Amino acid sequence: MTRTKLAAIALAALLAVTGVAAAAPGNAPADAGSNDGAVGQAGPPSELPDPVPDFVSDIHDQIRSFIDGNVENLGEAVSGIAGGDAGDGADDGTDDAADA
């Protein structure tokens, strides 16, 4: 046989094997139904998170300014915006044992 006949036979065999493999079913179980139970699960969550406080936008502006090189110390800039009030868990300098 000539090389072209051998190449044509090899190509035909390759196409046949590829077609059979593509047509063969996957390894999904036979009782796997459609996603009927997932109909109500599509879409975004029904409850959205609460809006962020106003100072968050200011913090983002300071971060952008730091990246642009307009702010020297990002920590001080952010602390000046967000760190103004001492929270409930903040250390006020007193001894907690003396309070008890």
PDB file of N, CA and C in Angstrom:
ATOM      1  N   MET A   1       0.840  -1.179   0.000  1.00  0.00           N
ATOM      2  CA  MET A   1       0.000   0.000   0.000  1.00  0.00           C
ATOM      3  C   MET A   1       0.880   1.236   0.000  1.00  0.00           C
ATOM      4  N   THR A   2       0.302   2.264  -0.476  1.00  0.00           N
ATOM      5  CA  THR A   2       1.065   3.508  -0.515  1.00  0.00           C
ATOM      6  C   THR A   2       0.847   4.290   0.761  1.00  0.00           C
ATOM      7  N   ARG A   3       1.676   5.273   0.937  1.00  0.00           N
ATOM      8  CA  ARG A   3       1.602   6.083   2.167  1.00  0.00           C
ATOM      9  C   ARG A   3       0.287   6.852   2.258  1.00  0.00           C
ATOM     10  N   THR A   4      -0.214   7.339   1.157  1.00  0.00           N
ATOM     11  CA  THR A   4      -1.467   8.102   1.189  1.00  0.00           C
ATOM     12  C   THR A   4      -2.643   7.224   1.604  1.00  0.00           C
ATOM     13  N   LYS A   5      -2.647   5.972   1.129  1.00  0.00           N
ATOM     14  CA  LYS A   5      -3.728   5.069   1.534  1.00  0.00           C
ATOM     15  C   LYS A   5      -3.637   4.770   3.030  1.00  0.00           C
ATOM     16  N   LEU A   6      -2.421   4.544   3.521  1.00  0.00           N
ATOM     17  CA  LEU A   6      -2.248   4.290   4.947  1.00  0.00           C
ATOM     18  C   LEU A   6      -2.651   5.513   5.776  1.00  0.00           C
ATOM     19  N   ALA A   7      -2.296   6.702   5.314  1.00  0.00           N
ATOM     20  CA  ALA A   7      -2.663   7.924   6.027  1.00  0.00           C
ATOM     21  C   ALA A   7      -4.178   8.114   6.022  1.00  0.00           C
ATOM     22  N   ALA A   8      -4.826   7.810   4.900  1.00  0.00           N
ATOM     23  CA  ALA A   8      -6.282   7.946   4.807  1.00  0.00           C
ATOM     24  C   ALA A   8      -6.975   6.948   5.727  1.00  0.00           C
ATOM     25  N   ILE A   9      -6.469   5.717   5.791  1.00  0.00           N
ATOM     26  CA  ILE A   9      -7.058   4.705   6.668  1.00  0.00           C
ATOM     27  C   ILE A   9      -6.863   5.099   8.131  1.00  0.00           C
ATOM     28  N   ALA A  10      -5.683   5.598   8.467  1.00  0.00           N
ATOM     29  CA  ALA A  10      -5.415   6.024   9.848  1.00  0.00           C
ATOM     30  C   ALA A  10      -6.309   7.201  10.235  1.00  0.00           C
ATOM     31  N   LEU A  11      -6.498   8.138   9.319  1.00  0.00           N
ATOM     32  CA  LEU A  11      -7.361   9.286   9.592  1.00  0.00           C
ATOM     33  C   LEU A  11      -8.813   8.850   9.762  1.00  0.00           C
ATOM     34  N   ALA A  12      -9.268   7.925   8.928  1.00  0.00           N
ATOM     35  CA  ALA A  12     -10.643   7.429   9.041  1.00  0.00           C
ATOM     36  C   ALA A  12     -10.840   6.694  10.364  1.00  0.00           C
ATOM     37  N   ALA A  13      -9.844   5.898  10.758  1.00  0.00           N
ATOM     38  CA  ALA A  13      -9.943   5.187  12.036  1.00  0.00           C
ATOM     39  C   ALA A  13      -9.958   6.176  13.199  1.00  0.00           C
ATOM     40  N   LEU A  14      -9.136   7.201  13.112  1.00  0.00           N
ATOM     41  CA  LEU A  14      -9.102   8.219  14.161  1.00  0.00           C
ATOM     42  C   LEU A  14     -10.444   8.940  14.271  1.00  0.00           C
ATOM     43  N   LEU A  15     -11.032   9.294  13.154  1.00  0.00           N
ATOM     44  CA  LEU A  15     -12.339   9.956  13.168  1.00  0.00           C
ATOM     45  C   LEU A  15     -13.419   9.039  13.736  1.00  0.00           C
ATOM     46  N   ALA A  16     -13.372   7.771  13.389  1.00  0.00           N
ATOM     47  CA  ALA A  16     -14.376   6.830  13.893  1.00  0.00           C
ATOM     48  C   ALA A  16     -14.254   6.662  15.402  1.00  0.00           C
ATOM     49  N   VAL A  17     -13.033   6.513  15.890  1.00  0.00           N
ATOM     50  CA  VAL A  17     -12.831   6.338  17.329  1.00  0.00           C
ATOM     51  C   VAL A  17     -13.226   7.607  18.079  1.00  0.00           C
ATOM     52  N   THR A  18     -12.882   8.756  17.537  1.00  0.00           N
ATOM     53  CA  THR A  18     -13.239  10.024  18.176  1.00  0.00           C
ATOM     54  C   THR A  18     -14.752  10.215  18.202  1.00  0.00           C
ATOM     55  N   GLY A  19     -15.422   9.862  17.128  1.00  0.00           N
ATOM     56  CA  GLY A  19     -16.877   9.983  17.082  1.00  0.00           C
ATOM     57  C   GLY A  19     -17.564   9.074  18.083  1.00  0.00           C
ATOM     58  N   VAL A  20     -17.065   7.853  18.213  1.00  0.00           N
ATOM     59  CA  VAL A  20     -17.644   6.913  19.177  1.00  0.00           C
ATOM     60  C   VAL A  20     -17.421   7.415  20.595  1.00  0.00           C
ATOM     61  N   ALA A  21     -16.241   7.923  20.869  1.00  0.00           N
ATOM     62  CA  ALA A  21     -15.948   8.429  22.213  1.00  0.00           C
ATOM     63  C   ALA A  21     -16.799   9.647  22.538  1.00  0.00           C
ATOM     64  N   ALA A  22     -17.036  10.499  21.562  1.00  0.00           N
ATOM     65  CA  ALA A  22     -17.849  11.689  21.802  1.00  0.00           C
ATOM     66  C   ALA A  22     -19.318  11.330  21.995  1.00  0.00           C
ATOM     67  N   ALA A  23     -19.780  10.283  21.333  1.00  0.00           N
ATOM     68  CA  ALA A  23     -21.182   9.896  21.432  1.00  0.00           C
ATOM     69  C   ALA A  23     -21.473   9.047  22.656  1.00  0.00           C
ATOM     70  N   ALA A  24     -20.455   8.493  23.279  1.00  0.00           N
ATOM     71  CA  ALA A  24     -20.659   7.637  24.450  1.00  0.00           C
ATOM     72  C   ALA A  24     -21.150   8.475  25.623  1.00  0.00           C
ATOM     73  N   PRO A  25     -22.069   7.927  26.406  1.00  0.00           N
ATOM     74  CA  PRO A  25     -22.561   8.689  27.560  1.00  0.00           C
ATOM     75  C   PRO A  25     -21.470   8.832  28.618  1.00  0.00           C
ATOM     76  N   GLY A  26     -21.601   9.863  29.424  1.00  0.00           N
ATOM     77  CA  GLY A  26     -20.637  10.090  30.492  1.00  0.00           C
ATOM     78  C   GLY A  26     -20.853   9.126  31.635  1.00  0.00           C
ATOM     79  N   ASN A  27     -20.230   9.377  32.738  1.00  0.00           N
ATOM     80  CA  ASN A  27     -20.350   8.474  33.880  1.00  0.00           C
ATOM     81  C   ASN A  27     -21.390   8.963  34.880  1.00  0.00           C
ATOM     82  N   ALA A  28     -22.380   9.707  34.415  1.00  0.00           N
ATOM     83  CA  ALA A  28     -23.455  10.162  35.291  1.00  0.00           C
ATOM     84  C   ALA A  28     -24.365   8.983  35.613  1.00  0.00           C
ATOM     85  N   PRO A  29     -24.917   8.945  36.826  1.00  0.00           N
ATOM     86  CA  PRO A  29     -25.827   7.852  37.170  1.00  0.00           C
ATOM     87  C   PRO A  29     -27.081   7.893  36.304  1.00  0.00           C
ATOM     88  N   ALA A  30     -27.668   6.733  36.112  1.00  0.00           N
ATOM     89  CA  ALA A  30     -28.838   6.633  35.245  1.00  0.00           C
ATOM     90  C   ALA A  30     -30.038   7.367  35.822  1.00  0.00           C
ATOM     91  N   ASP A  31     -30.115   7.491  37.147  1.00  0.00           N
ATOM     92  CA  ASP A  31     -31.268   8.147  37.755  1.00  0.00           C
ATOM     93  C   ASP A  31     -31.045   9.635  37.992  1.00  0.00           C
ATOM     94  N   ALA A  32     -29.990  10.183  37.444  1.00  0.00           N
ATOM     95  CA  ALA A  32     -29.735  11.614  37.614  1.00  0.00           C
ATOM     96  C   ALA A  32     -30.734  12.381  36.755  1.00  0.00           C
ATOM     97  N   GLY A  33     -31.643  13.058  37.408  1.00  0.00           N
ATOM     98  CA  GLY A  33     -32.656  13.807  36.693  1.00  0.00           C
ATOM     99  C   GLY A  33     -32.179  15.215  36.382  1.00  0.00           C
ATOM    100  N   SER A  34     -33.056  15.965  35.786  1.00  0.00           N
ATOM    101  CA  SER A  34     -32.711  17.356  35.532  1.00  0.00           C
ATOM    102  C   SER A  34     -32.720  18.112  36.854  1.00  0.00           C
ATOM    103  N   ASN A  35     -32.300  19.314  36.841  1.00  0.00           N
ATOM    104  CA  ASN A  35     -32.201  20.119  38.061  1.00  0.00           C
ATOM    105  C   ASN A  35     -33.552  20.721  38.428  1.00  0.00           C
ATOM    106  N   ASP A  36     -34.553  19.871  38.600  1.00  0.00           N
ATOM    107  CA  ASP A  36     -35.891  20.356  38.928  1.00  0.00           C
ATOM    108  C   ASP A  36     -35.940  21.001  40.306  1.00  0.00           C
ATOM    109  N   GLY A  37     -35.176  20.496  41.253  1.00  0.00           N
ATOM    110  CA  GLY A  37     -35.196  21.035  42.608  1.00  0.00           C
ATOM    111  C   GLY A  37     -34.475  22.361  42.737  1.00  0.00           C
ATOM    112  N   ALA A  38     -33.714  22.749  41.741  1.00  0.00           N
ATOM    113  CA  ALA A  38     -32.921  23.971  41.824  1.00  0.00           C
ATOM    114  C   ALA A  38     -33.615  25.162  41.178  1.00  0.00           C
ATOM    115  N   VAL A  39     -34.896  25.029  40.843  1.00  0.00           N
ATOM    116  CA  VAL A  39     -35.593  26.108  40.147  1.00  0.00           C
ATOM    117  C   VAL A  39     -35.655  27.364  41.008  1.00  0.00           C
ATOM    118  N   GLY A  40     -35.959  27.229  42.288  1.00  0.00           N
ATOM    119  CA  GLY A  40     -36.076  28.393  43.154  1.00  0.00           C
ATOM    120  C   GLY A  40     -34.753  28.890  43.690  1.00  0.00           C
ATOM    121  N   GLN A  41     -33.654  28.250  43.339  1.00  0.00           N
ATOM    122  CA  GLN A  41     -32.361  28.625  43.883  1.00  0.00           C
ATOM    123  C   GLN A  41     -31.577  29.553  42.968  1.00  0.00           C
ATOM    124  N   ALA A  42     -32.099  29.923  41.839  1.00  0.00           N
ATOM    125  CA  ALA A  42     -31.366  30.770  40.910  1.00  0.00           C
ATOM    126  C   ALA A  42     -31.485  32.234  41.312  1.00  0.00           C
ATOM    127  N   GLY A  43     -30.477  32.997  40.983  1.00  0.00           N
ATOM    128  CA  GLY A  43     -30.518  34.433  41.209  1.00  0.00           C
ATOM    129  C   GLY A  43     -29.774  34.864  42.451  1.00  0.00           C
ATOM    130  N   PRO A  44     -29.718  36.170  42.673  1.00  0.00           N
ATOM    131  CA  PRO A  44     -28.994  36.701  43.830  1.00  0.00           C
ATOM    132  C   PRO A  44     -29.756  36.438  45.124  1.00  0.00           C
ATOM    133  N   PRO A  45     -29.098  36.569  46.253  1.00  0.00           N
ATOM    134  CA  PRO A  45     -29.797  36.360  47.523  1.00  0.00           C
ATOM    135  C   PRO A  45     -30.909  37.385  47.704  1.00  0.00           C
ATOM    136  N   SER A  46     -31.925  36.999  48.450  1.00  0.00           N
ATOM    137  CA  SER A  46     -33.075  37.893  48.609  1.00  0.00           C
ATOM    138  C   SER A  46     -32.774  39.059  49.538  1.00  0.00           C
ATOM    139  N   GLU A  47     -31.858  38.870  50.483  1.00  0.00           N
ATOM    140  CA  GLU A  47     -31.521  39.954  51.401  1.00  0.00           C
ATOM    141  C   GLU A  47     -30.149  40.511  51.056  1.00  0.00           C
ATOM    142  N   LEU A  48     -30.073  41.808  50.916  1.00  0.00           N
ATOM    143  CA  LEU A  48     -28.803  42.461  50.629  1.00  0.00           C
ATOM    144  C   LEU A  48     -28.181  42.947  51.930  1.00  0.00           C
ATOM    145  N   PRO A  49     -26.855  43.061  51.974  1.00  0.00           N
ATOM    146  CA  PRO A  49     -26.217  43.550  53.201  1.00  0.00           C
ATOM    147  C   PRO A  49     -26.539  45.023  53.437  1.00  0.00           C
ATOM    148  N   ASP A  50     -26.376  45.443  54.680  1.00  0.00           N
ATOM    149  CA  ASP A  50     -26.610  46.842  55.021  1.00  0.00           C
ATOM    150  C   ASP A  50     -25.567  47.724  54.344  1.00  0.00           C
ATOM    151  N   PRO A  51     -25.911  48.987  54.079  1.00  0.00           N
ATOM    152  CA  PRO A  51     -24.932  49.892  53.489  1.00  0.00           C
ATOM    153  C   PRO A  51     -23.769  50.133  54.455  1.00  0.00           C
ATOM    154  N   VAL A  52     -22.618  50.402  53.897  1.00  0.00           N
ATOM    155  CA  VAL A  52     -21.443  50.659  54.726  1.00  0.00           C
ATOM    156  C   VAL A  52     -21.504  52.085  55.261  1.00  0.00           C
ATOM    157  N   PRO A  53     -20.815  52.362  56.360  1.00  0.00           N
ATOM    158  CA  PRO A  53     -20.784  53.731  56.887  1.00  0.00           C
ATOM    159  C   PRO A  53     -20.147  54.694  55.887  1.00  0.00           C
ATOM    160  N   ASP A  54     -20.437  55.973  56.058  1.00  0.00           N
ATOM    161  CA  ASP A  54     -19.948  56.990  55.127  1.00  0.00           C
ATOM    162  C   ASP A  54     -18.429  57.096  55.115  1.00  0.00           C
ATOM    163  N   PHE A  55     -17.776  56.827  56.249  1.00  0.00           N
ATOM    164  CA  PHE A  55     -16.331  57.016  56.289  1.00  0.00           C
ATOM    165  C   PHE A  55     -15.573  55.979  55.458  1.00  0.00           C
ATOM    166  N   VAL A  56     -16.239  54.919  55.022  1.00  0.00           N
ATOM    167  CA  VAL A  56     -15.562  53.908  54.207  1.00  0.00           C
ATOM    168  C   VAL A  56     -15.150  54.506  52.865  1.00  0.00           C
ATOM    169  N   SER A  57     -15.993  55.350  52.292  1.00  0.00           N
ATOM    170  CA  SER A  57     -15.628  56.025  51.045  1.00  0.00           C
ATOM    171  C   SER A  57     -14.426  56.929  51.252  1.00  0.00           C
ATOM    172  N   ASP A  58     -14.365  57.590  52.408  1.00  0.00           N
ATOM    173  CA  ASP A  58     -13.210  58.438  52.707  1.00  0.00           C
ATOM    174  C   ASP A  58     -11.935  57.609  52.829  1.00  0.00           C
ATOM    175  N   ILE A  59     -12.044  56.432  53.421  1.00  0.00           N
ATOM    176  CA  ILE A  59     -10.874  55.550  53.540  1.00  0.00           C
ATOM    177  C   ILE A  59     -10.406  55.114  52.154  1.00  0.00           C
ATOM    178  N   HIS A  60     -11.341  54.780  51.284  1.00  0.00           N
ATOM    179  CA  HIS A  60     -10.964  54.388  49.918  1.00  0.00           C
ATOM    180  C   HIS A  60     -10.291  55.544  49.193  1.00  0.00           C
ATOM    181  N   ASP A  61     -10.781  56.758  49.403  1.00  0.00           N
ATOM    182  CA  ASP A  61     -10.139  57.924  48.790  1.00  0.00           C
ATOM    183  C   ASP A  61      -8.707  58.095  49.292  1.00  0.00           C
ATOM    184  N   GLN A  62      -8.483  57.873  50.588  1.00  0.00           N
ATOM    185  CA  GLN A  62      -7.132  57.988  51.142  1.00  0.00           C
ATOM    186  C   GLN A  62      -6.213  56.905  50.578  1.00  0.00           C
ATOM    187  N   ILE A  63      -6.743  55.717  50.381  1.00  0.00           N
ATOM    188  CA  ILE A  63      -5.935  54.636  49.798  1.00  0.00           C
ATOM    189  C   ILE A  63      -5.546  54.986  48.372  1.00  0.00           C
ATOM    190  N   ARG A  64      -6.494  55.519  47.599  1.00  0.00           N
ATOM    191  CA  ARG A  64      -6.176  55.937  46.226  1.00  0.00           C
ATOM    192  C   ARG A  64      -5.131  57.048  46.227  1.00  0.00           C
ATOM    193  N   SER A  65      -5.256  57.978  47.160  1.00  0.00           N
ATOM    194  CA  SER A  65      -4.277  59.060  47.256  1.00  0.00           C
ATOM    195  C   SER A  65      -2.904  58.521  47.629  1.00  0.00           C
ATOM    196  N   PHE A  66      -2.859  57.516  48.488  1.00  0.00           N
ATOM    197  CA  PHE A  66      -1.584  56.899  48.864  1.00  0.00           C
ATOM    198  C   PHE A  66      -0.943  56.213  47.656  1.00  0.00           C
ATOM    199  N   ILE A  67      -1.755  55.537  46.861  1.00  0.00           N
ATOM    200  CA  ILE A  67      -1.238  54.865  45.666  1.00  0.00           C
ATOM    201  C   ILE A  67      -0.724  55.891  44.665  1.00  0.00           C
ATOM    202  N   ASP A  68      -1.423  57.026  44.557  1.00  0.00           N
ATOM    203  CA  ASP A  68      -0.992  58.083  43.640  1.00  0.00           C
ATOM    204  C   ASP A  68       0.223  58.843  44.155  1.00  0.00           C
ATOM    205  N   GLY A  69       0.549  58.688  45.433  1.00  0.00           N
ATOM    206  CA  GLY A  69       1.703  59.375  46.004  1.00  0.00           C
ATOM    207  C   GLY A  69       1.363  60.678  46.695  1.00  0.00           C
ATOM    208  N   ASN A  70       0.088  60.993  46.870  1.00  0.00           N
ATOM    209  CA  ASN A  70      -0.316  62.246  47.506  1.00  0.00           C
ATOM    210  C   ASN A  70      -0.355  62.145  49.024  1.00  0.00           C
ATOM    211  N   VAL A  71      -0.377  60.930  49.571  1.00  0.00           N
ATOM    212  CA  VAL A  71      -0.414  60.723  51.017  1.00  0.00           C
ATOM    213  C   VAL A  71       0.869  59.999  51.406  1.00  0.00           C
ATOM    214  N   GLU A  72       1.565  60.527  52.421  1.00  0.00           N
ATOM    215  CA  GLU A  72       2.839  59.936  52.854  1.00  0.00           C
ATOM    216  C   GLU A  72       2.625  58.733  53.762  1.00  0.00           C
ATOM    217  N   ASN A  73       1.765  58.867  54.773  1.00  0.00           N
ATOM    218  CA  ASN A  73       1.584  57.811  55.762  1.00  0.00           C
ATOM    219  C   ASN A  73       0.130  57.356  55.731  1.00  0.00           C
ATOM    220  N   LEU A  74      -0.098  56.214  55.138  1.00  0.00           N
ATOM    221  CA  LEU A  74      -1.464  55.708  54.988  1.00  0.00           C
ATOM    222  C   LEU A  74      -2.071  55.347  56.334  1.00  0.00           C
ATOM    223  N   GLY A  75      -1.271  54.796  57.235  1.00  0.00           N
ATOM    224  CA  GLY A  75      -1.788  54.406  58.549  1.00  0.00           C
ATOM    225  C   GLY A  75      -2.352  55.579  59.314  1.00  0.00           C
ATOM    226  N   GLU A  76      -1.622  56.691  59.336  1.00  0.00           N
ATOM    227  CA  GLU A  76      -2.108  57.885  60.037  1.00  0.00           C
ATOM    228  C   GLU A  76      -3.350  58.448  59.370  1.00  0.00           C
ATOM    229  N   ALA A  77      -3.374  58.426  58.036  1.00  0.00           N
ATOM    230  CA  ALA A  77      -4.530  58.969  57.320  1.00  0.00           C
ATOM    231  C   ALA A  77      -5.785  58.152  57.615  1.00  0.00           C
ATOM    232  N   VAL A  78      -5.657  56.834  57.600  1.00  0.00           N
ATOM    233  CA  VAL A  78      -6.816  55.978  57.861  1.00  0.00           C
ATOM    234  C   VAL A  78      -7.213  56.061  59.327  1.00  0.00           C
ATOM    235  N   SER A  79      -6.239  56.109  60.222  1.00  0.00           N
ATOM    236  CA  SER A  79      -6.555  56.227  61.651  1.00  0.00           C
ATOM    237  C   SER A  79      -7.257  57.541  61.945  1.00  0.00           C
ATOM    238  N   GLY A  80      -6.891  58.587  61.245  1.00  0.00           N
ATOM    239  CA  GLY A  80      -7.550  59.872  61.434  1.00  0.00           C
ATOM    240  C   GLY A  80      -9.010  59.841  61.023  1.00  0.00           C
ATOM    241  N   ILE A  81      -9.333  58.999  60.055  1.00  0.00           N
ATOM    242  CA  ILE A  81     -10.717  58.904  59.590  1.00  0.00           C
ATOM    243  C   ILE A  81     -11.507  57.909  60.434  1.00  0.00           C
ATOM    244  N   ALA A  82     -10.982  56.714  60.614  1.00  0.00           N
ATOM    245  CA  ALA A  82     -11.737  55.638  61.252  1.00  0.00           C
ATOM    246  C   ALA A  82     -11.458  55.497  62.733  1.00  0.00           C
ATOM    247  N   GLY A  83     -10.342  55.984  63.205  1.00  0.00           N
ATOM    248  CA  GLY A  83      -9.962  55.742  64.586  1.00  0.00           C
ATOM    249  C   GLY A  83     -10.324  56.855  65.531  1.00  0.00           C
ATOM    250  N   GLY A  84     -11.294  57.671  65.210  1.00  0.00           N
ATOM    251  CA  GLY A  84     -11.637  58.806  66.052  1.00  0.00           C
ATOM    252  C   GLY A  84     -12.289  58.427  67.356  1.00  0.00           C
ATOM    253  N   ASP A  85     -13.113  57.376  67.377  1.00  0.00           N
ATOM    254  CA  ASP A  85     -13.834  56.979  68.587  1.00  0.00           C
ATOM    255  C   ASP A  85     -13.256  55.685  69.123  1.00  0.00           C
ATOM    256  N   ALA A  86     -13.144  55.583  70.455  1.00  0.00           N
ATOM    257  CA  ALA A  86     -12.714  54.329  71.069  1.00  0.00           C
ATOM    258  C   ALA A  86     -13.921  53.412  71.146  1.00  0.00           C
ATOM    259  N   GLY A  87     -13.786  52.195  70.639  1.00  0.00           N
ATOM    260  CA  GLY A  87     -14.891  51.244  70.645  1.00  0.00           C
ATOM    261  C   GLY A  87     -15.073  50.628  72.015  1.00  0.00           C
ATOM    262  N   ASP A  88     -16.033  49.710  72.131  1.00  0.00           N
ATOM    263  CA  ASP A  88     -16.318  49.058  73.402  1.00  0.00           C
ATOM    264  C   ASP A  88     -15.147  48.213  73.880  1.00  0.00           C
ATOM    265  N   GLY A  89     -14.403  47.615  72.950  1.00  0.00           N
ATOM    266  CA  GLY A  89     -13.313  46.738  73.327  1.00  0.00           C
ATOM    267  C   GLY A  89     -11.989  47.462  73.456  1.00  0.00           C
ATOM    268  N   ALA A  90     -11.969  48.774  73.315  1.00  0.00           N
ATOM    269  CA  ALA A  90     -10.708  49.505  73.355  1.00  0.00           C
ATOM    270  C   ALA A  90     -10.213  49.628  74.784  1.00  0.00           C
ATOM    271  N   ASP A  91      -8.906  49.680  74.935  1.00  0.00           N
ATOM    272  CA  ASP A  91      -8.286  49.826  76.251  1.00  0.00           C
ATOM    273  C   ASP A  91      -8.302  51.305  76.611  1.00  0.00           C
ATOM    274  N   ASP A  92      -8.980  51.643  77.713  1.00  0.00           N
ATOM    275  CA  ASP A  92      -9.086  53.040  78.112  1.00  0.00           C
ATOM    276  C   ASP A  92      -8.012  53.448  79.107  1.00  0.00           C
ATOM    277  N   GLY A  93      -7.045  52.577  79.355  1.00  0.00           N
ATOM    278  CA  GLY A  93      -5.944  52.920  80.238  1.00  0.00           C
ATOM    279  C   GLY A  93      -6.186  52.588  81.689  1.00  0.00           C
ATOM    280  N   THR A  94      -7.363  52.115  82.049  1.00  0.00           N
ATOM    281  CA  THR A  94      -7.638  51.763  83.440  1.00  0.00           C
ATOM    282  C   THR A  94      -7.459  50.277  83.626  1.00  0.00           C
ATOM    283  N   ASP A  95      -7.259  49.880  84.853  1.00  0.00           N
ATOM    284  CA  ASP A  95      -7.074  48.471  85.180  1.00  0.00           C
ATOM    285  C   ASP A  95      -8.446  47.822  85.326  1.00  0.00           C
ATOM    286  N   ASP A  96      -8.717  46.777  84.536  1.00  0.00           N
ATOM    287  CA  ASP A  96     -10.010  46.104  84.587  1.00  0.00           C
ATOM    288  C   ASP A  96     -10.218  45.383  85.913  1.00  0.00           C
ATOM    289  N   ALA A  97      -9.153  44.941  86.568  1.00  0.00           N
ATOM    290  CA  ALA A  97      -9.282  44.242  87.850  1.00  0.00           C
ATOM    291  C   ALA A  97      -9.754  45.195  88.936  1.00  0.00           C
ATOM    292  N   ALA A  98      -9.389  46.459  88.839  1.00  0.00           N
ATOM    293  CA  ALA A  98      -9.809  47.438  89.840  1.00  0.00           C
ATOM    294  C   ALA A  98     -11.289  47.765  89.694  1.00  0.00           C
ATOM    295  N   ASP A  99     -11.838  47.579  88.484  1.00  0.00           N
ATOM    296  CA  ASP A  99     -13.252  47.877  88.253  1.00  0.00           C
ATOM    297  C   ASP A  99     -14.154  46.808  88.862  1.00  0.00           C
ATOM    298  N   ALA A 100     -13.639  45.620  89.079  1.00  0.00           N
ATOM    299  CA  ALA A 100     -14.473  44.511  89.543  1.00  0.00           C
ATOM    300  C   ALA A 100     -14.744  44.550  91.010  1.00  0.00           C
TER     301      ALA A 100
END
